[in-house]
């Protein structure tokens, strides 16, 4: 039973790490979009503004998905700890 539990914990750690990676990538995409949007504002370039706003929104969504992924793995790991 310990091997099964250890395997599950390793997989959950990996899943949580993947979620945290997505959070970081999402935060970077969000920041990149915000910068692009602001540069577009400063230059009066509506196309750049729109692309930046879209990237910012996509980054927020990716970060939120990463949060959910990591939190779900963390919750599953807590439940597994209670069972053992």
N, C-alpha and C. Protein backbone atom coordinates (compact mmCIF):
# COMPACT_ATOMS: atom_id res chain seq x y z
N UNK A 1 0.82 -1.20 0.00
CA UNK A 1 0.00 0.00 0.00
C UNK A 1 0.86 1.26 0.00
N UNK A 2 2.04 1.19 0.67
CA UNK A 2 2.92 2.36 0.71
C UNK A 2 3.41 2.76 -0.67
N UNK A 3 3.73 1.77 -1.52
CA UNK A 3 4.19 2.08 -2.87
C UNK A 3 3.10 2.80 -3.65
N UNK A 4 1.89 2.35 -3.52
CA UNK A 4 0.76 2.98 -4.20
C UNK A 4 0.57 4.41 -3.70
N UNK A 5 0.64 4.59 -2.40
CA UNK A 5 0.51 5.92 -1.82
C UNK A 5 1.64 6.83 -2.26
N UNK A 6 2.86 6.32 -2.25
CA UNK A 6 4.01 7.12 -2.69
C UNK A 6 3.91 7.51 -4.15
N UNK A 7 3.46 6.57 -4.98
CA UNK A 7 3.27 6.88 -6.40
C UNK A 7 2.22 7.98 -6.58
N UNK A 8 1.14 7.86 -5.86
CA UNK A 8 0.07 8.86 -5.95
C UNK A 8 0.58 10.22 -5.50
N UNK A 9 1.33 10.25 -4.41
CA UNK A 9 1.86 11.51 -3.92
C UNK A 9 2.83 12.14 -4.92
N UNK A 10 3.68 11.33 -5.53
CA UNK A 10 4.61 11.84 -6.55
C UNK A 10 3.85 12.44 -7.73
N UNK A 11 2.81 11.74 -8.16
CA UNK A 11 2.02 12.25 -9.29
C UNK A 11 1.30 13.54 -8.91
N UNK A 12 0.81 13.61 -7.70
CA UNK A 12 0.13 14.83 -7.26
C UNK A 12 1.11 16.00 -7.13
N UNK A 13 2.31 15.73 -6.66
CA UNK A 13 3.34 16.77 -6.60
C UNK A 13 3.65 17.29 -8.01
N UNK A 14 3.74 16.37 -8.95
CA UNK A 14 4.01 16.75 -10.33
C UNK A 14 2.86 17.59 -10.89
N UNK A 15 1.63 17.18 -10.62
CA UNK A 15 0.47 17.92 -11.08
C UNK A 15 0.44 19.33 -10.48
N UNK A 16 0.76 19.42 -9.20
CA UNK A 16 0.78 20.73 -8.55
C UNK A 16 1.86 21.61 -9.17
N UNK A 17 3.02 21.04 -9.43
CA UNK A 17 4.11 21.79 -10.06
C UNK A 17 3.70 22.28 -11.45
N UNK A 18 3.01 21.44 -12.20
CA UNK A 18 2.54 21.85 -13.52
C UNK A 18 1.56 23.01 -13.41
N UNK A 19 0.69 22.96 -12.41
CA UNK A 19 -0.24 24.06 -12.18
C UNK A 19 0.48 25.35 -11.83
N UNK A 20 1.50 25.25 -10.99
CA UNK A 20 2.28 26.44 -10.61
C UNK A 20 3.02 27.01 -11.83
N UNK A 21 3.50 26.13 -12.70
CA UNK A 21 4.17 26.58 -13.93
C UNK A 21 3.18 27.35 -14.81
N UNK A 22 1.97 26.83 -14.94
CA UNK A 22 0.95 27.52 -15.73
C UNK A 22 0.60 28.88 -15.10
N UNK A 23 0.57 28.94 -13.78
CA UNK A 23 0.32 30.23 -13.11
C UNK A 23 1.39 31.23 -13.51
N UNK A 24 2.64 30.82 -13.46
CA UNK A 24 3.75 31.73 -13.78
C UNK A 24 3.70 32.15 -15.25
N UNK A 25 3.44 31.21 -16.14
CA UNK A 25 3.34 31.54 -17.56
C UNK A 25 2.18 32.49 -17.82
N UNK A 26 1.08 32.26 -17.13
CA UNK A 26 -0.08 33.14 -17.27
C UNK A 26 0.22 34.54 -16.77
N UNK A 27 0.90 34.64 -15.65
CA UNK A 27 1.27 35.95 -15.11
C UNK A 27 2.18 36.69 -16.09
N UNK A 28 3.12 35.96 -16.71
CA UNK A 28 4.01 36.58 -17.69
C UNK A 28 3.22 37.05 -18.91
N UNK A 29 2.33 36.20 -19.41
CA UNK A 29 1.51 36.58 -20.57
C UNK A 29 0.64 37.80 -20.25
N UNK A 30 0.10 37.82 -19.04
CA UNK A 30 -0.73 38.95 -18.62
C UNK A 30 0.09 40.24 -18.61
N UNK A 31 1.28 40.17 -18.03
CA UNK A 31 2.15 41.34 -17.97
C UNK A 31 2.56 41.79 -19.37
N UNK A 32 2.92 40.83 -20.21
CA UNK A 32 3.33 41.14 -21.58
C UNK A 32 2.18 41.84 -22.33
N UNK A 33 0.97 41.35 -22.14
CA UNK A 33 -0.19 41.97 -22.78
C UNK A 33 -0.45 43.37 -22.26
N UNK A 34 -0.28 43.54 -20.96
CA UNK A 34 -0.48 44.85 -20.36
C UNK A 34 0.51 45.87 -20.92
N UNK A 35 1.77 45.45 -21.05
CA UNK A 35 2.80 46.33 -21.62
C UNK A 35 2.45 46.67 -23.06
N UNK A 36 2.10 45.66 -23.84
CA UNK A 36 1.75 45.89 -25.24
C UNK A 36 0.56 46.84 -25.36
N UNK A 37 -0.43 46.64 -24.50
CA UNK A 37 -1.61 47.51 -24.51
C UNK A 37 -1.21 48.95 -24.19
N UNK A 38 -0.36 49.14 -23.19
CA UNK A 38 0.06 50.48 -22.79
C UNK A 38 0.91 51.15 -23.87
N UNK A 39 1.77 50.38 -24.52
CA UNK A 39 2.56 50.93 -25.63
C UNK A 39 1.62 51.35 -26.76
N UNK A 40 0.65 50.51 -27.04
CA UNK A 40 -0.35 50.87 -28.05
C UNK A 40 -1.10 52.14 -27.69
N UNK A 41 -1.44 52.28 -26.41
CA UNK A 41 -2.10 53.51 -25.95
C UNK A 41 -1.20 54.72 -26.21
N UNK A 42 0.07 54.59 -25.82
CA UNK A 42 1.02 55.70 -25.96
C UNK A 42 1.24 56.08 -27.42
N UNK A 43 1.24 55.09 -28.29
CA UNK A 43 1.48 55.35 -29.72
C UNK A 43 0.20 55.65 -30.48
N UNK A 44 -0.94 55.47 -29.84
CA UNK A 44 -2.21 55.65 -30.53
C UNK A 44 -2.48 54.54 -31.54
N UNK A 45 -1.91 53.37 -31.31
CA UNK A 45 -2.05 52.23 -32.21
C UNK A 45 -3.15 51.32 -31.67
N UNK A 46 -4.33 51.43 -32.27
CA UNK A 46 -5.48 50.66 -31.79
C UNK A 46 -5.30 49.16 -31.95
N UNK A 47 -4.62 48.75 -33.02
CA UNK A 47 -4.38 47.32 -33.24
C UNK A 47 -3.51 46.75 -32.12
N UNK A 48 -2.45 47.47 -31.76
CA UNK A 48 -1.57 47.01 -30.69
C UNK A 48 -2.31 47.02 -29.36
N UNK A 49 -3.14 48.02 -29.15
CA UNK A 49 -3.95 48.08 -27.92
C UNK A 49 -4.83 46.84 -27.80
N UNK A 50 -5.50 46.52 -28.89
CA UNK A 50 -6.42 45.38 -28.89
C UNK A 50 -5.67 44.07 -28.69
N UNK A 51 -4.54 43.92 -29.38
CA UNK A 51 -3.76 42.68 -29.22
C UNK A 51 -3.23 42.56 -27.80
N UNK A 52 -2.80 43.68 -27.23
CA UNK A 52 -2.32 43.66 -25.85
C UNK A 52 -3.42 43.30 -24.88
N UNK A 53 -4.60 43.88 -25.08
CA UNK A 53 -5.73 43.57 -24.20
C UNK A 53 -6.11 42.09 -24.30
N UNK A 54 -6.06 41.55 -25.51
CA UNK A 54 -6.38 40.13 -25.69
C UNK A 54 -5.34 39.25 -25.01
N UNK A 55 -4.05 39.60 -25.15
CA UNK A 55 -2.99 38.83 -24.49
C UNK A 55 -3.12 38.91 -22.97
N UNK A 56 -3.46 40.10 -22.49
CA UNK A 56 -3.63 40.27 -21.04
C UNK A 56 -4.76 39.38 -20.52
N UNK A 57 -5.87 39.37 -21.23
CA UNK A 57 -7.01 38.54 -20.83
C UNK A 57 -6.67 37.05 -20.91
N UNK A 58 -5.97 36.65 -21.97
CA UNK A 58 -5.57 35.25 -22.11
C UNK A 58 -4.61 34.85 -20.98
N UNK A 59 -3.73 35.76 -20.60
CA UNK A 59 -2.81 35.49 -19.50
C UNK A 59 -3.55 35.31 -18.19
N UNK A 60 -4.55 36.15 -17.95
CA UNK A 60 -5.36 36.01 -16.73
C UNK A 60 -6.06 34.66 -16.70
N UNK A 61 -6.59 34.26 -17.85
CA UNK A 61 -7.29 32.97 -17.93
C UNK A 61 -6.32 31.82 -17.68
N UNK A 62 -5.12 31.91 -18.26
CA UNK A 62 -4.12 30.85 -18.08
C UNK A 62 -3.68 30.78 -16.62
N UNK A 63 -3.52 31.93 -16.00
CA UNK A 63 -3.13 31.98 -14.59
C UNK A 63 -4.23 31.36 -13.72
N UNK A 64 -5.47 31.68 -14.01
CA UNK A 64 -6.60 31.14 -13.26
C UNK A 64 -6.69 29.62 -13.43
N UNK A 65 -6.47 29.15 -14.65
CA UNK A 65 -6.47 27.70 -14.89
C UNK A 65 -5.33 27.03 -14.13
N UNK A 66 -4.18 27.66 -14.09
CA UNK A 66 -3.05 27.13 -13.32
C UNK A 66 -3.36 27.08 -11.84
N UNK A 67 -4.04 28.12 -11.34
CA UNK A 67 -4.47 28.13 -9.94
C UNK A 67 -5.35 26.93 -9.64
N UNK A 68 -6.34 26.71 -10.50
CA UNK A 68 -7.28 25.60 -10.30
C UNK A 68 -6.56 24.26 -10.35
N UNK A 69 -5.66 24.12 -11.30
CA UNK A 69 -4.90 22.87 -11.46
C UNK A 69 -4.08 22.58 -10.20
N UNK A 70 -3.34 23.58 -9.76
CA UNK A 70 -2.48 23.40 -8.58
C UNK A 70 -3.32 23.17 -7.32
N UNK A 71 -4.40 23.92 -7.18
CA UNK A 71 -5.25 23.78 -6.00
C UNK A 71 -5.91 22.41 -5.94
N UNK A 72 -6.35 21.91 -7.10
CA UNK A 72 -6.97 20.59 -7.13
C UNK A 72 -5.98 19.50 -6.72
N UNK A 73 -4.75 19.61 -7.23
CA UNK A 73 -3.73 18.63 -6.87
C UNK A 73 -3.41 18.72 -5.38
N UNK A 74 -3.33 19.93 -4.87
CA UNK A 74 -3.04 20.13 -3.45
C UNK A 74 -4.17 19.56 -2.58
N UNK A 75 -5.41 19.77 -2.98
CA UNK A 75 -6.55 19.25 -2.24
C UNK A 75 -6.56 17.72 -2.26
N UNK A 76 -6.26 17.15 -3.43
CA UNK A 76 -6.21 15.69 -3.54
C UNK A 76 -5.08 15.13 -2.67
N UNK A 77 -3.98 15.83 -2.65
CA UNK A 77 -2.86 15.37 -1.82
C UNK A 77 -3.23 15.43 -0.31
N UNK A 78 -3.92 16.49 0.09
CA UNK A 78 -4.37 16.60 1.49
C UNK A 78 -5.31 15.45 1.82
N UNK A 79 -6.23 15.12 0.91
CA UNK A 79 -7.17 14.03 1.14
C UNK A 79 -6.42 12.70 1.25
N UNK A 80 -5.42 12.52 0.41
CA UNK A 80 -4.63 11.28 0.47
C UNK A 80 -3.87 11.19 1.80
N UNK A 81 -3.35 12.31 2.25
CA UNK A 81 -2.64 12.33 3.54
C UNK A 81 -3.57 11.92 4.69
N UNK A 82 -4.82 12.35 4.63
CA UNK A 82 -5.76 12.01 5.69
C UNK A 82 -6.12 10.53 5.69
N UNK A 83 -6.06 9.92 4.50
CA UNK A 83 -6.38 8.50 4.39
C UNK A 83 -5.26 7.60 4.90
N UNK A 84 -4.05 8.11 4.87
CA UNK A 84 -2.91 7.27 5.28
C UNK A 84 -2.48 7.50 6.69
